[in-house]
Each structure stands twice: as C-alpha cells, then as structure tokens.
C-alpha cells in the first residue's frame, strides 16, 4: 500500500506473470491492477483486482485499515480484472455495501450471483464518507456499457476506471512524480487503440462531462496514478478519441519468400526520399498486431501489402484488416500492393476491405506484382511511395 493524499491509499497489485492481457495483448512489462481505499469515518474501497491476487490484496487493505470494516465498495467497471475479487471481498467483509449503477448490478448478478446489500446510484449522485464526498459520473461505453467514474470532491481525485490507463507494471513508485514515465506513453497509446479505440465518441462525451473539473490526481485501474502529467494524459485521450494523427507512414506487409517484403522496402525508401521522416515497417506475421494498430492510431497514412494465398488474401493480413476495420478509425490515407505466383487476388481483396469496411482515402495506384519485382513494378512501387509522401506532407 502507499498513501496518495490525505486519507487516500493505493492498495493495488502487479502482474508480471501473464503473457497476454485478455488473452490477446502482449504484456512485455506486465500490468498493474489498481485499487484504492479512502480511510475516512466510513471506509470506501474503489474497485478490486483480479481474483488470483486476493492474498496480497487483502494484506494491502489490512495495512491501511487494520481491523476496521469496509463500509462501501465502489465498482466503476465490471470487467473481471477489476471485479474478480468482489466475491472474496464479501467473505472478508460481509457487511460491505456495493455501490454501482443499474447496469453494474445486472452484470454483477450474471458474473457472481450477487444482488443483495447494494446501493444503486445515478449520474451525479453523491455519497458522504465523513470528510470526503464522492460523486458518480456515468461514462457509458468507455468501454463497457456500465462504466462510470467516481470523483472525490474533497481531495480533487478522479477514479477513472480503465480510462487513462496503460499497460506496464508499477516498479516501486505509484504516482507519476515518483517514476520515469517514458515507458508508459506508447503503452498508453497501445492500450487505448486496441481496447478503447473503437469508442471515440463515448470518450469525447466523458471528457465533456469532466471539463472544468479541477483534478489533482487521476487514479486509473491500470498504470501510474497521474498527478504531474494530468494535462498530458487528458490531452492524449482527447486527441486519440478524435482520431487525430501526426504525419507518418505505417507500412505493414505479409511475405512468404521475401518478394512482397522487397516491394515494401522500395515504397519505404521512396517515401523517405520524398521527405517523410516517421516511417515504421512491420511484418504482420512477426509483430503482434497490437503494435501495428497502435502506430496506425499515431500516424496518418498506411500502406499494406501481401501475397495471394489459396486464391485469397494472406491470412495474417486478412486478420489485421479485420481488426483495423473494427476500430472505426477515421482521417487516414491508404495505399496497397500485392503479389502472386499464378493468380492475382491480394490487391483486389485489400481494395475490398477498404471499400466496404475501412473507408480510408486511397492514394496512388495499387501495385500488383507477378512472382517478383521487375523494372515496371519496381517503378510503380517507387511512385506509390512518392504519392504517399506527397499526401502525408500535404495533410
């Protein structure tokens, strides 16, 4: 446990063992499950942790409150990495009243069979703990329908649920002013783009509700407690939820024998020579797609290329385009190319993805490569790179 301010303490835990968050997203630096406790006349626990960590979690709580009871458990979000310990918390603290909204309790009944000793709140309702007053702000679809945030009006603290969170365990320090945050910024973008990214409009609605509220601390359920960097963190969420980008090019490709990769290299070199400095390249079969999606959110242009495979599109590229199409990304440029040994299908399939699902702005002419690059297709790849650079720099 660690004191944050006044009677507010951090009682969360770190997970450095899990390889994939939600069975999907790599965790090279682990992840934290953050929970907080306000030790006032009435004790309020804010969110819980993944159930596997119940033993150290209970010890963290007991370090703060000793033998006192917990009066309220506020549930801002029902995903099991935050709600998983609710059942056991009730065994340790049987008199606790669980605070949430109507949708919270519908999910709680389904997940854990709990529907008693609950306090339903509505948007804007307040709850007094003694010296601290909590206010509840509903933020549906950031990123589940039941999500809400809780303001501590006394300490100017926002308990934000998954919003403003990021991947990465907390290695000693809890508050951003205590740690070097350099490793967290791209992990915040990767977290947002892959988990919250589809819900730009609900995020904007939430930010509008919080506009004008003075905050000294933002206590998310993953990553550091934000204090010194609040303006930067809120600004990043505002920008990402508007699908704002910086000039740059993501080139991702599938390749079996290297021919498609060589075409990607030609496109990248031409774009660089034409003035684009931010260029990142990914082999879709080697790099986890979460990193590619992260950079698609960062940069305003995308070039994709892949071979024809089984008279269709190379599998990993098909999967990536499906993932991107589910994010509702806006304001992007796209170019594409393909290769084939005996039947051309890849370029047509990529165009179909863009026409029907992605709706990015096409740039240049697609390049269709039979077997390997020749003088003609080499020149077309160079032209595609130059056209992309021109569009990127104009935007």
Protein backbone atom coordinates (compact mmCIF):
# COMPACT_ATOMS: atom_id res chain seq x y z
CA UNK A 1 0.00 0.00 0.00
CA UNK A 2 1.04 3.62 -0.47
CA UNK A 3 -0.50 6.89 0.63
CA UNK A 4 -1.51 9.15 -2.25
CA UNK A 5 -3.03 12.14 -0.46
CA UNK A 6 -4.95 12.82 2.76
CA UNK A 7 -6.75 9.57 3.65
CA UNK A 8 -6.46 8.03 0.18
CA UNK A 9 -4.24 4.97 -0.30
CA UNK A 10 -3.18 2.74 -3.18
CA UNK A 11 -3.81 -0.95 -2.44
CA UNK A 12 -3.40 -2.47 -5.92
CA UNK A 13 -1.18 -5.28 -7.15
CA UNK A 14 1.17 -6.04 -10.06
CA UNK A 15 1.01 -8.93 -12.51
CA UNK A 16 4.36 -9.76 -14.10
CA UNK A 17 3.41 -13.36 -14.95
CA UNK A 18 0.65 -13.00 -17.52
CA UNK A 19 1.83 -13.12 -21.14
CA UNK A 20 -1.36 -11.84 -22.79
CA UNK A 21 -3.84 -9.32 -21.38
CA UNK A 22 -7.39 -10.56 -22.04
CA UNK A 23 -5.73 -13.45 -23.86
CA UNK A 24 -4.91 -11.03 -26.69
CA UNK A 25 -2.44 -8.24 -25.94
CA UNK A 26 1.24 -8.91 -25.10
CA UNK A 27 2.49 -7.72 -21.71
CA UNK A 28 6.28 -7.45 -22.02
CA UNK A 29 6.40 -5.20 -18.95
CA UNK A 30 3.47 -6.71 -17.05
CA UNK A 31 0.37 -4.85 -15.91
CA UNK A 32 -0.99 -3.39 -12.69
CA UNK A 33 -4.47 -3.88 -11.27
CA UNK A 34 -5.13 -0.72 -9.33
CA UNK A 35 -7.45 -0.40 -6.36
CA UNK A 36 -7.78 2.41 -3.85
CA UNK A 37 -9.13 2.89 -0.35
CA UNK A 38 -10.37 6.01 1.43
CA UNK A 39 -9.93 5.59 5.19
CA UNK A 40 -12.50 8.10 6.41
CA UNK A 41 -15.25 7.82 9.04
CA UNK A 42 -16.76 5.46 6.50
CA UNK A 43 -14.24 3.32 4.62
CA UNK A 44 -14.64 3.12 0.85
CA UNK A 45 -12.79 0.65 -1.37
CA UNK A 46 -12.65 1.77 -5.00
CA UNK A 47 -12.64 -1.17 -7.43
CA UNK A 48 -10.93 -4.50 -6.77
CA UNK A 49 -8.29 -6.61 -8.53
CA UNK A 50 -8.01 -9.85 -10.46
CA UNK A 51 -9.01 -12.69 -8.14
CA UNK A 52 -5.66 -14.52 -8.44
CA UNK A 53 -4.09 -11.77 -6.34
CA UNK A 54 -6.55 -11.82 -3.45
CA UNK A 55 -3.99 -12.72 -0.76
CA UNK A 56 -1.58 -9.79 -1.28
CA UNK A 57 -4.57 -7.58 -2.00
CA UNK A 58 -6.22 -8.29 1.36
CA UNK A 59 -2.88 -7.70 3.09
CA UNK A 60 -2.57 -4.32 1.37
CA UNK A 61 -6.05 -3.37 2.57
CA UNK A 62 -5.35 -4.52 6.14
CA UNK A 63 -2.17 -2.46 6.23
CA UNK A 64 -4.33 0.62 5.79
CA UNK A 65 -7.44 -0.07 7.86
CA UNK A 66 -6.32 -2.79 10.27
CA UNK A 67 -9.37 -4.44 11.80
CA UNK A 68 -11.83 -1.79 10.61
CA UNK A 69 -14.65 -2.86 8.33
CA UNK A 70 -15.15 -1.68 4.76
CA UNK A 71 -18.41 0.21 4.52
CA UNK A 72 -18.60 0.70 0.75
CA UNK A 73 -17.13 -0.96 -2.32
CA UNK A 74 -17.47 1.31 -5.34
CA UNK A 75 -17.49 -0.61 -8.64
CA UNK A 76 -16.65 1.64 -11.58
CA UNK A 77 -16.18 -1.18 -14.09
CA UNK A 78 -17.25 -4.81 -14.16
CA UNK A 79 -14.52 -6.45 -16.24
CA UNK A 80 -13.20 -9.34 -14.13
CA UNK A 81 -9.68 -7.93 -13.86
CA UNK A 82 -11.30 -5.26 -11.67
CA UNK A 83 -14.37 -7.02 -10.30
CA UNK A 84 -12.97 -10.53 -9.91
CA UNK A 85 -12.25 -10.17 -6.18
CA UNK A 86 -15.73 -8.94 -5.25
CA UNK A 87 -16.96 -12.34 -4.05
CA UNK A 88 -13.98 -12.84 -1.76
CA UNK A 89 -14.08 -9.25 -0.51
CA UNK A 90 -17.61 -10.01 0.68
CA UNK A 91 -16.32 -13.06 2.53
CA UNK A 92 -13.68 -10.97 4.32
CA UNK A 93 -16.02 -8.00 4.78
CA UNK A 94 -19.58 -9.43 4.82
CA UNK A 95 -21.25 -6.13 5.75
CA UNK A 96 -19.85 -4.15 2.82
CA UNK A 97 -22.37 -2.27 0.68
CA UNK A 98 -21.58 -2.43 -3.03
CA UNK A 99 -22.09 0.86 -4.87
CA UNK A 100 -22.81 0.88 -8.60
CA UNK A 101 -25.38 1.68 -11.25
CA UNK A 102 -28.26 -0.36 -12.63
CA UNK A 103 -26.15 -1.91 -15.40
CA UNK A 104 -23.38 -2.69 -12.90
CA UNK A 105 -25.73 -4.82 -10.86
CA UNK A 106 -27.16 -6.62 -13.85
CA UNK A 107 -23.64 -7.74 -14.74
CA UNK A 108 -22.75 -8.49 -11.12
CA UNK A 109 -25.69 -10.87 -10.87
CA UNK A 110 -24.56 -12.61 -14.04
CA UNK A 111 -20.86 -12.84 -13.16
CA UNK A 112 -21.04 -13.53 -9.42
CA UNK A 113 -24.66 -14.13 -8.43
CA UNK A 114 -24.62 -11.05 -6.16
CA UNK A 115 -27.76 -8.93 -5.93
CA UNK A 116 -28.06 -8.03 -2.24
CA UNK A 117 -26.62 -5.34 0.04
CA UNK A 118 -26.21 -2.98 -2.89
CA UNK A 119 -26.62 0.76 -3.33
CA UNK A 120 -27.70 1.89 -6.78
CA UNK A 121 -26.57 5.37 -7.78
CA UNK A 122 -27.47 7.60 -10.68
CA UNK A 123 -25.37 10.06 -12.63
CA UNK A 124 -24.44 13.00 -10.41
CA UNK A 125 -25.41 11.32 -7.12
CA UNK A 126 -23.15 11.88 -4.12
CA UNK A 127 -22.13 9.76 -1.15
CA UNK A 128 -20.62 11.15 2.08
CA UNK A 129 -17.89 9.20 3.84
CA UNK A 130 -17.48 11.87 6.54
CA UNK A 131 -14.78 14.28 5.44
CA UNK A 132 -14.81 13.01 1.85
CA UNK A 133 -17.74 13.28 -0.56
CA UNK A 134 -17.91 11.04 -3.60
CA UNK A 135 -19.78 11.95 -6.78
CA UNK A 136 -20.59 9.46 -9.54
CA UNK A 137 -20.19 10.34 -13.21
CA UNK A 138 -21.63 7.91 -15.74
CA UNK A 139 -19.37 7.27 -18.75
CA UNK A 140 -21.13 4.51 -20.73
CA UNK A 141 -19.12 2.69 -23.42
CA UNK A 142 -15.75 3.81 -22.10
CA UNK A 143 -15.52 0.98 -22.91
CA UNK A 144 -18.36 -1.15 -21.46
CA UNK A 145 -21.99 -0.04 -21.07
CA UNK A 146 -21.86 0.09 -17.25
CA UNK A 147 -18.68 2.12 -16.88
CA UNK A 148 -18.68 5.10 -14.58
CA UNK A 149 -16.11 7.27 -12.82
CA UNK A 150 -16.04 8.46 -9.24
CA UNK A 151 -14.93 11.92 -8.12
CA UNK A 152 -13.61 12.55 -4.63
CA UNK A 153 -14.80 16.14 -4.36
CA UNK A 154 -12.82 16.71 -1.16
CA UNK A 155 -9.41 15.63 -2.45
CA UNK A 156 -9.92 16.57 -6.14
CA UNK A 157 -9.32 12.99 -7.22
CA UNK A 158 -10.87 11.16 -10.16
CA UNK A 159 -11.18 7.37 -10.00
CA UNK A 160 -11.40 6.84 -13.73
CA UNK A 161 -11.81 3.10 -14.21
CA UNK A 162 -9.98 1.89 -17.32
CA UNK A 163 -9.83 5.39 -18.79
CA UNK A 164 -6.36 6.97 -18.78
CA UNK A 165 -4.84 3.55 -18.08
CA UNK A 166 -1.92 1.82 -19.73
CA UNK A 167 -0.01 -1.44 -19.82
CA UNK A 168 3.05 -1.89 -17.62
CA UNK A 169 3.58 -2.98 -14.01
CA UNK A 170 4.44 -0.39 -11.37
CA UNK A 171 8.02 -0.98 -10.29
CA UNK A 172 8.11 0.62 -6.86
CA UNK A 173 6.63 4.05 -7.43
CA UNK A 174 2.89 4.55 -7.82
CA UNK A 175 2.48 8.27 -8.57
CA UNK A 176 3.89 9.64 -11.83
CA UNK A 177 6.05 12.16 -9.95
CA UNK A 178 7.91 9.25 -8.34
CA UNK A 179 8.83 7.41 -11.52
CA UNK A 180 10.25 7.77 -15.02
CA UNK A 181 7.12 7.62 -17.18
CA UNK A 182 8.89 7.34 -20.55
CA UNK A 183 7.94 3.68 -21.00
CA UNK A 184 4.26 4.33 -20.33
CA UNK A 185 3.38 6.78 -23.10
CA UNK A 186 3.44 4.37 -26.04
CA UNK A 187 1.88 1.71 -23.84
CA UNK A 188 -0.99 4.12 -23.17
CA UNK A 189 -1.46 4.52 -26.92
CA UNK A 190 -1.33 0.74 -27.42
CA UNK A 191 -3.81 0.21 -24.57
CA UNK A 192 -6.19 2.87 -25.85
CA UNK A 193 -6.01 1.94 -29.54
CA UNK A 194 -6.61 -1.77 -29.01
CA UNK A 195 -9.09 -1.74 -26.13
CA UNK A 196 -10.89 1.62 -26.10
CA UNK A 197 -10.14 2.83 -29.64
CA UNK A 198 -13.49 1.96 -31.20
CA UNK A 199 -15.32 4.22 -28.75
CA UNK A 200 -14.07 7.69 -29.69
CA UNK A 201 -17.48 9.35 -29.36
CA UNK A 202 -18.20 7.98 -25.85
CA UNK A 203 -14.70 9.07 -24.77
CA UNK A 204 -15.42 12.57 -26.06
CA UNK A 205 -18.71 12.58 -24.15
CA UNK A 206 -16.88 11.58 -20.97
CA UNK A 207 -14.27 14.30 -21.43
CA UNK A 208 -17.03 16.87 -21.82
CA UNK A 209 -18.56 15.77 -18.52
CA UNK A 210 -15.19 16.26 -16.83
CA UNK A 211 -14.41 19.60 -18.50
CA UNK A 212 -13.85 22.31 -15.91
CA UNK A 213 -13.43 19.87 -13.02
CA UNK A 214 -10.25 20.60 -11.09
CA UNK A 215 -8.23 17.42 -10.63
CA UNK A 216 -5.10 16.93 -8.57
CA UNK A 217 -4.94 13.16 -9.18
CA UNK A 218 -6.33 10.71 -11.71
CA UNK A 219 -6.45 7.18 -10.31
CA UNK A 220 -6.89 4.72 -13.16
CA UNK A 221 -7.25 0.97 -12.81
CA UNK A 222 -4.04 0.31 -14.80
CA UNK A 223 -0.73 2.14 -14.75
CA UNK A 224 0.53 5.10 -12.72
CA UNK A 225 -1.53 7.49 -10.64
CA UNK A 226 -1.41 10.69 -12.68
CA UNK A 227 -0.50 13.89 -10.88
CA UNK A 228 2.20 15.89 -12.67
CA UNK A 229 1.12 14.67 -16.12
CA UNK A 230 -2.66 15.09 -15.89
CA UNK A 231 -2.79 17.69 -18.67
CA UNK A 232 -0.73 15.48 -20.99
CA UNK A 233 -2.79 12.35 -20.25
CA UNK A 234 -6.14 14.06 -20.79
CA UNK A 235 -4.77 15.68 -23.93
CA UNK A 236 -3.69 12.30 -25.30
CA UNK A 237 -7.17 10.86 -24.72
CA UNK A 238 -8.76 13.90 -26.33
CA UNK A 239 -6.52 13.59 -29.38
CA UNK A 240 -6.85 9.82 -29.75
CA UNK A 241 -10.63 9.88 -29.37
CA UNK A 242 -10.79 12.47 -32.16
CA UNK A 243 -8.59 10.16 -34.28
CA UNK A 244 -6.02 12.92 -34.63
CA UNK A 245 -2.65 11.87 -36.03
CA UNK A 246 0.82 13.12 -36.81
CA UNK A 247 2.41 12.89 -40.26
CA UNK A 248 3.88 9.46 -40.75
CA UNK A 249 3.61 6.19 -42.60
CA UNK A 250 2.94 2.68 -41.35
CA UNK A 251 3.96 0.01 -43.86
CA UNK A 252 2.85 -3.49 -42.94
CA UNK A 253 3.25 -6.49 -45.15
CA UNK A 254 2.95 -10.23 -45.30
CA UNK A 255 5.63 -12.18 -47.07
CA UNK A 256 6.42 -15.85 -47.64
CA UNK A 257 9.60 -15.80 -49.70
CA UNK A 258 10.67 -12.16 -49.50
CA UNK A 259 9.25 -10.72 -52.72
CA UNK A 260 6.49 -8.71 -51.03
CA UNK A 261 8.96 -7.52 -48.40
CA UNK A 262 11.27 -6.19 -51.10
CA UNK A 263 8.40 -4.19 -52.57
CA UNK A 264 7.68 -2.73 -49.11
CA UNK A 265 11.33 -1.67 -48.86
CA UNK A 266 11.13 0.13 -52.20
CA UNK A 267 7.98 2.00 -51.12
CA UNK A 268 9.56 2.99 -47.81
CA UNK A 269 12.75 4.27 -49.45
CA UNK A 270 10.80 6.35 -51.95
CA UNK A 271 8.62 7.86 -49.21
CA UNK A 272 11.71 8.68 -47.17
CA UNK A 273 13.47 10.32 -50.09
CA UNK A 274 10.32 12.38 -50.67
CA UNK A 275 10.52 13.80 -47.15
CA UNK A 276 8.62 11.52 -44.76
CA UNK A 277 10.62 11.06 -41.55
CA UNK A 278 8.21 8.98 -39.48
CA UNK A 279 8.14 5.58 -41.19
CA UNK A 280 7.61 2.29 -39.38
CA UNK A 281 7.58 -1.12 -41.06
CA UNK A 282 6.08 -4.36 -39.77
CA UNK A 283 5.94 -7.95 -40.92
CA UNK A 284 2.39 -8.90 -39.94
CA UNK A 285 3.45 -12.49 -39.24
CA UNK A 286 6.19 -11.46 -36.82
CA UNK A 287 4.97 -8.36 -34.96
CA UNK A 288 1.89 -8.65 -32.77
CA UNK A 289 -0.93 -6.71 -34.35
CA UNK A 290 -1.48 -4.58 -31.24
CA UNK A 291 1.75 -2.69 -32.00
CA UNK A 292 0.72 -2.14 -35.61
CA UNK A 293 -2.70 -0.87 -34.56
CA UNK A 294 -1.01 1.43 -32.03
CA UNK A 295 1.03 3.06 -34.78
CA UNK A 296 -1.92 3.28 -37.17
CA UNK A 297 -3.53 5.43 -34.46
CA UNK A 298 -0.38 7.56 -34.26
CA UNK A 299 0.30 8.20 -37.96
CA UNK A 300 -1.95 9.42 -40.74
CA UNK A 301 -1.02 7.01 -43.53
CA UNK A 302 -0.97 3.27 -44.06
CA UNK A 303 0.41 1.07 -46.83
CA UNK A 304 -0.45 -2.62 -46.76
CA UNK A 305 0.81 -5.38 -48.97
CA UNK A 306 0.52 -9.15 -49.02
CA UNK A 307 0.68 -12.18 -51.26
CA UNK A 308 -2.26 -14.02 -52.70
CA UNK A 309 -2.74 -17.21 -50.69
CA UNK A 310 -5.17 -20.03 -51.56
CA UNK A 311 -6.82 -17.67 -54.08
CA UNK A 312 -7.48 -15.21 -51.27
CA UNK A 313 -5.57 -12.76 -49.09
CA UNK A 314 -2.62 -13.84 -46.97
CA UNK A 315 -4.15 -14.86 -43.64
CA UNK A 316 -2.35 -12.53 -41.23
CA UNK A 317 -3.09 -9.50 -43.39
CA UNK A 318 -6.73 -10.53 -43.58
CA UNK A 319 -6.82 -10.69 -39.78
CA UNK A 320 -5.11 -7.31 -39.37
CA UNK A 321 -7.51 -5.58 -41.75
CA UNK A 322 -10.44 -7.11 -39.87
CA UNK A 323 -9.02 -5.78 -36.60
CA UNK A 324 -8.46 -2.32 -38.04
CA UNK A 325 -11.94 -2.20 -39.54
CA UNK A 326 -13.40 -2.86 -36.09
CA UNK A 327 -11.75 0.26 -34.63
CA UNK A 328 -13.78 2.81 -36.63
CA UNK A 329 -10.57 4.73 -37.40
CA UNK A 330 -11.03 7.99 -39.31
CA UNK A 331 -8.94 10.51 -41.23
CA UNK A 332 -6.39 8.11 -42.73
CA UNK A 333 -4.69 7.67 -46.08
CA UNK A 334 -4.11 4.22 -47.57
CA UNK A 335 -2.15 2.63 -50.37
CA UNK A 336 -1.73 -1.05 -51.14
CA UNK A 337 0.13 -3.61 -53.17
CA UNK A 338 0.10 -7.35 -53.64
CA UNK A 339 2.00 -10.21 -55.14
CA UNK A 340 1.08 -13.56 -56.63
CA UNK A 341 2.61 -16.62 -58.19
CA UNK A 342 -0.15 -17.70 -60.59
CA UNK A 343 -3.46 -16.00 -59.65
CA UNK A 344 -3.84 -12.36 -58.64
CA UNK A 345 -6.26 -11.88 -55.72
CA UNK A 346 -4.46 -9.97 -52.94
CA UNK A 347 -4.76 -6.45 -54.33
CA UNK A 348 -8.46 -6.90 -55.08
CA UNK A 349 -9.09 -8.27 -51.58
CA UNK A 350 -7.29 -5.35 -49.92
CA UNK A 351 -9.33 -2.90 -52.02
CA UNK A 352 -12.50 -4.74 -50.99
CA UNK A 353 -11.58 -4.30 -47.32
CA UNK A 354 -11.08 -0.59 -47.83
CA UNK A 355 -14.19 -0.05 -49.97
CA UNK A 356 -16.53 -1.90 -47.61
CA UNK A 357 -15.09 -1.55 -44.10
CA UNK A 358 -12.10 0.77 -43.63
CA UNK A 359 -13.12 3.70 -45.84
CA UNK A 360 -9.64 5.28 -45.77
CA UNK A 361 -8.69 7.74 -48.50
CA UNK A 362 -6.90 5.85 -51.31
CA UNK A 363 -3.61 7.30 -52.54
CA UNK A 364 -1.73 6.36 -55.69
CA UNK A 365 -2.18 3.27 -57.83
CA UNK A 366 -2.14 -0.23 -56.27
CA UNK A 367 0.81 -2.31 -57.41
CA UNK A 368 0.21 -5.92 -58.45
CA UNK A 369 3.43 -7.94 -58.62
CA UNK A 370 3.61 -11.20 -60.55
CA UNK A 371 6.16 -13.50 -58.90
CA UNK A 372 8.86 -10.89 -58.22
CA UNK A 373 9.72 -7.25 -58.85
CA UNK A 374 10.69 -6.27 -62.38
CA UNK A 375 11.60 -2.85 -63.73
CA UNK A 376 7.97 -1.89 -64.27
CA UNK A 377 6.63 -2.92 -60.83
CA UNK A 378 9.75 -1.50 -59.12
CA UNK A 379 8.97 1.89 -60.67
CA UNK A 380 5.31 1.59 -59.65
CA UNK A 381 6.34 0.89 -56.03
CA UNK A 382 8.56 3.96 -56.09
CA UNK A 383 5.68 6.01 -57.47
CA UNK A 384 3.35 4.71 -54.74
CA UNK A 385 5.89 5.73 -52.10
CA UNK A 386 6.22 9.21 -53.58
CA UNK A 387 2.45 9.68 -53.85
CA UNK A 388 2.01 8.61 -50.23
CA UNK A 389 4.70 11.07 -49.15
CA UNK A 390 3.05 13.90 -51.06
CA UNK A 391 -0.34 13.17 -49.47
CA UNK A 392 1.16 12.77 -45.98
CA UNK A 393 3.02 16.07 -46.12
CA UNK A 394 0.02 17.93 -47.56
CA UNK A 395 -2.17 16.66 -44.72
